[in-house]
Amino acid sequence: MKANDNTHIEEEGAMTAKKKNQRNSSTPLEMQLAILDQIPTPIFAIDKDFSIVFMNPVGCEWLAMELTNIVGKKCYDLLQTPHCKADTCRVQWAMERDAVFVTRNEMRKQGEVIPIENTAAPLRDGNGTVIGGLQYTLDIRERMQYEETLLRQSETILELSTPVIKIWNEIVFLPLVGVIDTLRAKQTMENLLGAIVEHEARVVLLDVTGVPVIDTRVAQNLLDTVTASRMLGAEVVITGISPDTAQTLTKLDIDLTTIRTCGTLKLGVAESLRLINSQITAL
C-alpha cells in the first residue's frame, strides 16, 4: 500500500513538472504576441485593404470594443481620425512607400478626442514583402501641455528681453541686447507697434549697442521695423551702430540712408527731442 502511494505521488509530481515545462516553453511567436499584449499603448496591424488583422488589448480598451468586434473591420471606420481616408494617411504612406512615418493627429479614447502621435510602418511577411501596415499610437496630452508651458515661458522671456519704455511724452525707447533671430525680431516688432499705439508715440529711440552682430538679416529686420513704425506715424532713431558694423553693412551693400541714425544714445535722445520740438534745458 505504501509503495502504491509513493508511486502515485511520483506520477503527480512528474505531471506537475511536465505542465510547468510546457508553460515555460512558449514558442517565439507566442512570446512576441505576449509582449505586444503588454505594451501600454495602442498597436494595430492592417492588411492592404485597411482591414484590421491585429490590435493589442490597450487599443481595444481605447476603442471600448472587444477584439472579436474589431478584427476584420476597416481601420478608418473605427478610428475616424482627420487623416483617415485622406491623402495624409501615414499608414497608407508606409505601405506604398515602404518607409516609416511619424505624425501628430487626433483620436477618440473611450469617447474623448485627444491629441496623439502616430508612428506608421510597413508590415512585412517572412520574405520581406509588404503585406500591410503597422501603427502604434501615443497619448501626447501631457507632452503638449508641457510644450505649451515652454512656449508661454519663451514668450514671456522674449517680452522681458525686448522692453519698450516710455522715456518722454511721445517718445518710447527700445534697447536691444543679444542675438536677434527671426522669432525675437517678430516679437520685438509686435511689442514696439503695440507700445507706439498705447503711448501715442511719435518717435522710437532704438538702441542696438548690445547687439553683437548686425548682418543682412538683422539689418532687414531693422528696416521692416522702421517701415511698420512709420505706418503708425512714428519716426525711428537708431543708435549704437559701431564703426565695425557700419563698415560691414557698407560691404554688404545694405542701404540704411533712409533711417535716422546717431552714434551715441545721448545724441539719439537729443535727436528724438528735436523731432517733437522739445528740449531739455539746464536748471
Protein backbone atom coordinates (compact mmCIF):
# COMPACT_ATOMS: atom_id res chain seq x y z
CA MET A 1 0.00 0.00 0.00
CA LYS A 2 2.76 2.38 0.86
CA ALA A 3 4.60 1.51 -2.35
CA ASN A 4 1.49 2.35 -4.38
CA ASP A 5 1.11 5.66 -2.55
CA ASN A 6 4.69 6.59 -3.33
CA THR A 7 4.23 5.68 -6.98
CA HIS A 8 1.08 7.84 -7.17
CA ILE A 9 2.90 10.80 -5.63
CA GLU A 10 5.78 10.45 -8.07
CA GLU A 11 3.38 10.36 -11.03
CA GLU A 12 1.61 13.52 -9.82
CA GLY A 13 4.96 15.25 -9.38
CA ALA A 14 6.04 14.26 -12.87
CA MET A 15 2.79 15.55 -14.38
CA THR A 16 3.13 18.88 -12.50
CA ALA A 17 6.70 19.30 -13.72
CA LYS A 18 5.61 18.47 -17.28
CA LYS A 19 2.85 21.11 -17.18
CA LYS A 20 5.29 23.66 -15.77
CA ASN A 21 7.77 22.93 -18.55
CA GLN A 22 5.00 23.31 -21.12
CA ARG A 23 4.10 26.74 -19.72
CA ASN A 24 7.73 27.83 -19.84
CA SER A 25 8.34 26.54 -23.35
CA SER A 26 6.31 29.13 -25.29
CA THR A 27 7.06 29.45 -28.97
CA PRO A 28 8.81 32.63 -30.21
CA LEU A 29 5.55 33.75 -31.84
CA GLU A 30 3.62 33.29 -28.61
CA MET A 31 6.27 35.23 -26.75
CA GLN A 32 6.13 38.08 -29.29
CA LEU A 33 2.33 38.26 -29.05
CA ALA A 34 2.58 38.28 -25.25
CA ILE A 35 4.98 41.21 -25.42
CA LEU A 36 2.66 43.14 -27.76
CA ASP A 37 -0.23 42.49 -25.38
CA GLN A 38 1.72 44.09 -22.54
CA ILE A 39 2.78 47.28 -24.36
CA PRO A 40 0.84 50.13 -22.66
CA THR A 41 -0.11 51.96 -25.87
CA PRO A 42 -2.38 51.03 -28.79
CA ILE A 43 -0.86 48.94 -31.58
CA PHE A 44 -2.72 47.61 -34.58
CA ALA A 45 -1.93 45.97 -37.91
CA ILE A 46 -3.92 46.11 -41.14
CA ASP A 47 -3.78 44.38 -44.48
CA LYS A 48 -3.53 46.27 -47.77
CA ASP A 49 -7.30 46.67 -47.83
CA PHE A 50 -7.15 48.54 -44.49
CA SER A 51 -8.86 45.68 -42.65
CA ILE A 52 -7.61 45.28 -39.08
CA VAL A 53 -5.84 41.95 -38.53
CA PHE A 54 -4.45 42.64 -35.05
CA MET A 55 -4.97 45.04 -32.17
CA ASN A 56 -3.44 44.76 -28.71
CA PRO A 57 -5.57 44.98 -25.52
CA VAL A 58 -4.83 48.67 -24.90
CA GLY A 59 -6.05 49.50 -28.40
CA CYS A 60 -9.27 47.60 -27.69
CA GLU A 61 -9.58 49.49 -24.42
CA TRP A 62 -9.21 52.85 -26.20
CA LEU A 63 -11.95 51.91 -28.63
CA ALA A 64 -14.05 50.36 -25.85
CA MET A 65 -14.61 47.30 -28.05
CA GLU A 66 -13.89 43.59 -27.91
CA LEU A 67 -11.18 42.24 -30.22
CA THR A 68 -13.71 39.98 -31.96
CA ASN A 69 -15.67 43.09 -32.98
CA ILE A 70 -12.52 44.83 -34.26
CA VAL A 71 -10.71 42.26 -36.39
CA GLY A 72 -11.89 42.44 -39.99
CA LYS A 73 -13.25 45.98 -39.67
CA LYS A 74 -11.76 48.85 -41.70
CA CYS A 75 -9.38 50.90 -39.60
CA TYR A 76 -10.80 54.19 -40.89
CA ASP A 77 -14.32 53.19 -39.82
CA LEU A 78 -13.21 52.54 -36.24
CA LEU A 79 -10.52 55.19 -35.71
CA GLN A 80 -12.15 58.07 -37.61
CA THR A 81 -9.17 60.42 -37.30
CA PRO A 82 -8.73 63.52 -39.51
CA HIS A 83 -6.15 61.57 -41.56
CA CYS A 84 -8.38 58.57 -42.23
CA LYS A 85 -9.37 58.10 -45.90
CA ALA A 86 -7.25 61.15 -46.75
CA ASP A 87 -4.03 61.74 -48.67
CA THR A 88 -2.32 62.37 -45.32
CA CYS A 89 -2.92 58.83 -44.02
CA ARG A 90 0.53 57.82 -42.79
CA VAL A 91 -0.13 54.09 -42.63
CA GLN A 92 -1.08 54.24 -46.31
CA TRP A 93 2.18 56.11 -46.97
CA ALA A 94 4.06 53.40 -45.06
CA MET A 95 2.56 50.65 -47.22
CA GLU A 96 3.02 52.49 -50.52
CA ARG A 97 6.48 53.96 -49.88
CA ASP A 98 7.92 51.18 -47.71
CA ALA A 99 9.07 53.66 -45.07
CA VAL A 100 8.31 54.76 -41.51
CA PHE A 101 6.34 57.96 -40.88
CA VAL A 102 5.59 59.86 -37.67
CA THR A 103 2.87 62.47 -37.35
CA ARG A 104 0.50 64.11 -34.90
CA ASN A 105 -3.20 63.55 -35.12
CA GLU A 106 -6.36 63.27 -33.04
CA MET A 107 -8.20 60.13 -31.97
CA ARG A 108 -11.06 59.05 -29.73
CA LYS A 109 -10.02 57.43 -26.47
CA GLN A 110 -13.01 55.99 -24.64
CA GLY A 111 -15.25 58.65 -26.18
CA GLU A 112 -12.90 61.61 -25.67
CA VAL A 113 -10.97 63.19 -28.55
CA ILE A 114 -7.31 63.52 -27.57
CA PRO A 115 -4.08 64.60 -29.31
CA ILE A 116 -1.90 61.67 -30.36
CA GLU A 117 1.37 60.88 -32.10
CA ASN A 118 1.24 58.07 -34.64
CA THR A 119 4.13 56.00 -35.95
CA ALA A 120 3.26 54.05 -39.10
CA ALA A 121 5.48 51.35 -40.60
CA PRO A 122 5.15 48.76 -43.35
CA LEU A 123 4.10 45.26 -42.26
CA ARG A 124 6.14 42.53 -43.96
CA ASP A 125 5.85 38.76 -44.23
CA GLY A 126 8.69 36.32 -43.69
CA ASN A 127 10.08 37.06 -47.17
CA GLY A 128 10.18 40.82 -46.57
CA THR A 129 7.22 41.57 -48.83
CA VAL A 130 4.98 44.41 -47.65
CA ILE A 131 1.59 42.88 -46.86
CA GLY A 132 0.04 45.70 -44.84
CA GLY A 133 0.73 48.39 -42.30
CA LEU A 134 1.58 48.61 -38.61
CA GLN A 135 0.81 51.59 -36.40
CA TYR A 136 1.32 52.46 -32.77
CA THR A 137 -0.16 55.45 -31.03
CA LEU A 138 0.96 57.65 -28.13
CA ASP A 139 -1.26 59.82 -25.96
CA ILE A 140 0.59 63.17 -26.02
CA ARG A 141 -1.71 65.29 -23.85
CA GLU A 142 0.92 65.74 -21.13
CA ARG A 143 3.64 66.43 -23.71
CA MET A 144 1.53 69.10 -25.41
CA GLN A 145 0.76 70.74 -22.07
CA TYR A 146 4.49 70.81 -21.35
CA GLU A 147 5.20 72.26 -24.81
CA GLU A 148 2.54 74.94 -24.31
CA THR A 149 4.08 75.83 -20.94
CA LEU A 150 7.52 76.13 -22.55
CA LEU A 151 6.07 78.29 -25.33
CA ARG A 152 4.41 80.64 -22.83
CA GLN A 153 7.65 80.85 -20.85
CA SER A 154 9.61 81.59 -24.05
CA GLU A 155 7.16 84.32 -24.99
CA THR A 156 7.49 85.82 -21.52
CA ILE A 157 11.29 85.77 -21.77
CA LEU A 158 11.10 87.39 -25.20
CA GLU A 159 8.85 90.13 -23.86
CA LEU A 160 11.23 90.76 -20.98
CA SER A 161 14.20 90.81 -23.37
CA THR A 162 12.54 93.42 -25.61
CA PRO A 163 11.16 96.05 -23.20
CA VAL A 164 9.61 99.17 -24.71
CA ILE A 165 9.89 102.09 -22.27
CA LYS A 166 8.21 105.47 -22.40
CA ILE A 167 11.00 107.93 -21.60
CA TRP A 168 9.28 111.16 -22.60
CA ASN A 169 5.92 112.36 -23.79
CA GLU A 170 5.53 110.88 -27.32
CA ILE A 171 8.93 109.10 -27.15
CA VAL A 172 9.46 105.38 -26.49
CA PHE A 173 12.81 103.68 -26.01
CA LEU A 174 13.69 100.14 -27.11
CA PRO A 175 17.14 98.81 -26.12
CA LEU A 176 18.09 95.64 -27.98
CA VAL A 177 20.56 93.27 -26.34
CA GLY A 178 21.76 89.91 -27.65
CA VAL A 179 21.21 87.96 -30.84
CA ILE A 180 18.20 88.94 -32.95
CA ASP A 181 16.75 85.82 -34.55
CA THR A 182 13.53 85.57 -36.57
CA LEU A 183 11.30 84.80 -33.59
CA ARG A 184 12.72 87.59 -31.47
CA ALA A 185 12.52 90.06 -34.37
CA LYS A 186 8.82 89.24 -34.74
CA GLN A 187 8.21 89.65 -31.02
CA THR A 188 10.17 92.91 -30.97
CA MET A 189 8.09 94.41 -33.76
CA GLU A 190 4.82 93.33 -32.12
CA ASN A 191 5.82 94.84 -28.77
CA LEU A 192 7.05 98.04 -30.37
CA LEU A 193 3.98 98.60 -32.54
CA GLY A 194 1.75 97.95 -29.54
CA ALA A 195 3.71 100.48 -27.47
CA ILE A 196 3.52 103.11 -30.23
CA VAL A 197 -0.26 102.86 -30.21
CA GLU A 198 -0.54 102.66 -26.42
CA HIS A 199 1.70 105.67 -25.72
CA GLU A 200 0.73 107.62 -28.86
CA ALA A 201 4.43 107.82 -29.65
CA ARG A 202 5.77 109.99 -32.44
CA VAL A 203 9.39 108.87 -32.00
CA VAL A 204 11.01 105.49 -31.36
CA LEU A 205 14.55 105.52 -29.99
CA LEU A 206 16.07 102.15 -30.90
CA ASP A 207 19.47 101.35 -29.40
CA VAL A 208 21.44 98.42 -30.88
CA THR A 209 24.62 98.82 -28.83
CA GLY A 210 24.06 95.43 -27.22
CA VAL A 211 23.51 93.53 -30.49
CA PRO A 212 26.75 91.61 -31.17
CA VAL A 213 26.24 91.11 -34.91
CA ILE A 214 24.21 93.12 -37.40
CA ASP A 215 24.22 91.21 -40.67
CA THR A 216 21.92 91.29 -43.69
CA ARG A 217 19.09 89.53 -41.86
CA VAL A 218 19.23 91.78 -38.79
CA ALA A 219 19.51 94.88 -40.99
CA GLN A 220 16.40 93.82 -42.90
CA ASN A 221 14.56 93.32 -39.61
CA LEU A 222 15.53 96.88 -38.63
CA LEU A 223 14.27 98.21 -41.96
CA ASP A 224 10.99 96.35 -41.53
CA THR A 225 10.62 97.78 -38.02
CA VAL A 226 11.22 101.31 -39.28
CA THR A 227 8.68 100.87 -42.09
CA ALA A 228 5.99 99.46 -39.78
CA SER A 229 6.59 102.23 -37.21
CA ARG A 230 6.25 104.92 -39.85
CA MET A 231 2.94 103.43 -40.93
CA LEU A 232 1.74 104.16 -37.39
CA GLY A 233 3.09 107.71 -37.56
CA ALA A 234 6.28 107.24 -35.56
CA GLU A 235 9.79 108.13 -36.70
CA VAL A 236 12.63 105.79 -35.66
CA VAL A 237 16.05 106.93 -34.47
CA ILE A 238 18.66 104.14 -34.28
CA THR A 239 21.69 104.49 -32.04
CA GLY A 240 24.67 102.31 -31.18
CA ILE A 241 25.86 101.20 -34.62
CA SER A 242 29.58 100.59 -34.13
CA PRO A 243 32.28 101.58 -36.68
CA ASP A 244 32.91 97.88 -37.47
CA THR A 245 29.20 97.29 -38.05
CA ALA A 246 28.99 100.36 -40.28
CA GLN A 247 31.85 99.02 -42.43
CA THR A 248 30.25 95.56 -42.58
CA LEU A 249 26.90 96.96 -43.69
CA THR A 250 28.65 99.06 -46.33
CA LYS A 251 30.44 95.99 -47.70
CA LEU A 252 27.15 94.10 -47.77
CA ASP A 253 25.66 96.98 -49.76
CA ILE A 254 22.84 97.46 -47.25
CA ASP A 255 21.26 100.88 -47.62
CA LEU A 256 20.31 102.45 -44.28
CA THR A 257 20.39 106.02 -45.57
CA THR A 258 16.62 106.33 -45.19
CA ILE A 259 16.93 105.65 -41.45
CA ARG A 260 17.85 108.28 -38.86
CA THR A 261 20.97 107.13 -37.02
CA CYS A 262 23.06 108.62 -34.25
CA GLY A 263 26.41 107.47 -32.99
CA THR A 264 25.55 107.52 -29.29
CA LEU A 265 22.48 107.20 -27.13
CA LYS A 266 22.97 110.76 -25.88
CA LEU A 267 22.83 112.13 -29.43
CA GLY A 268 19.84 109.90 -30.11
CA VAL A 269 17.92 111.36 -27.17
CA ALA A 270 18.68 114.87 -28.40
CA GLU A 271 17.50 113.98 -31.93
CA SER A 272 14.33 112.40 -30.56
CA LEU A 273 13.51 115.54 -28.58
CA ARG A 274 14.19 117.69 -31.63
CA LEU A 275 11.71 115.65 -33.67
CA ILE A 276 8.92 116.50 -31.21
CA ASN A 277 10.08 120.11 -30.95
CA SER A 278 11.19 119.70 -27.38
CA GLN A 279 14.43 120.04 -25.48
CA ILE A 280 15.93 119.61 -22.04
CA THR A 281 17.19 122.84 -20.51
CA ALA A 282 19.68 123.07 -17.68
CA LEU A 283 18.33 124.30 -14.35
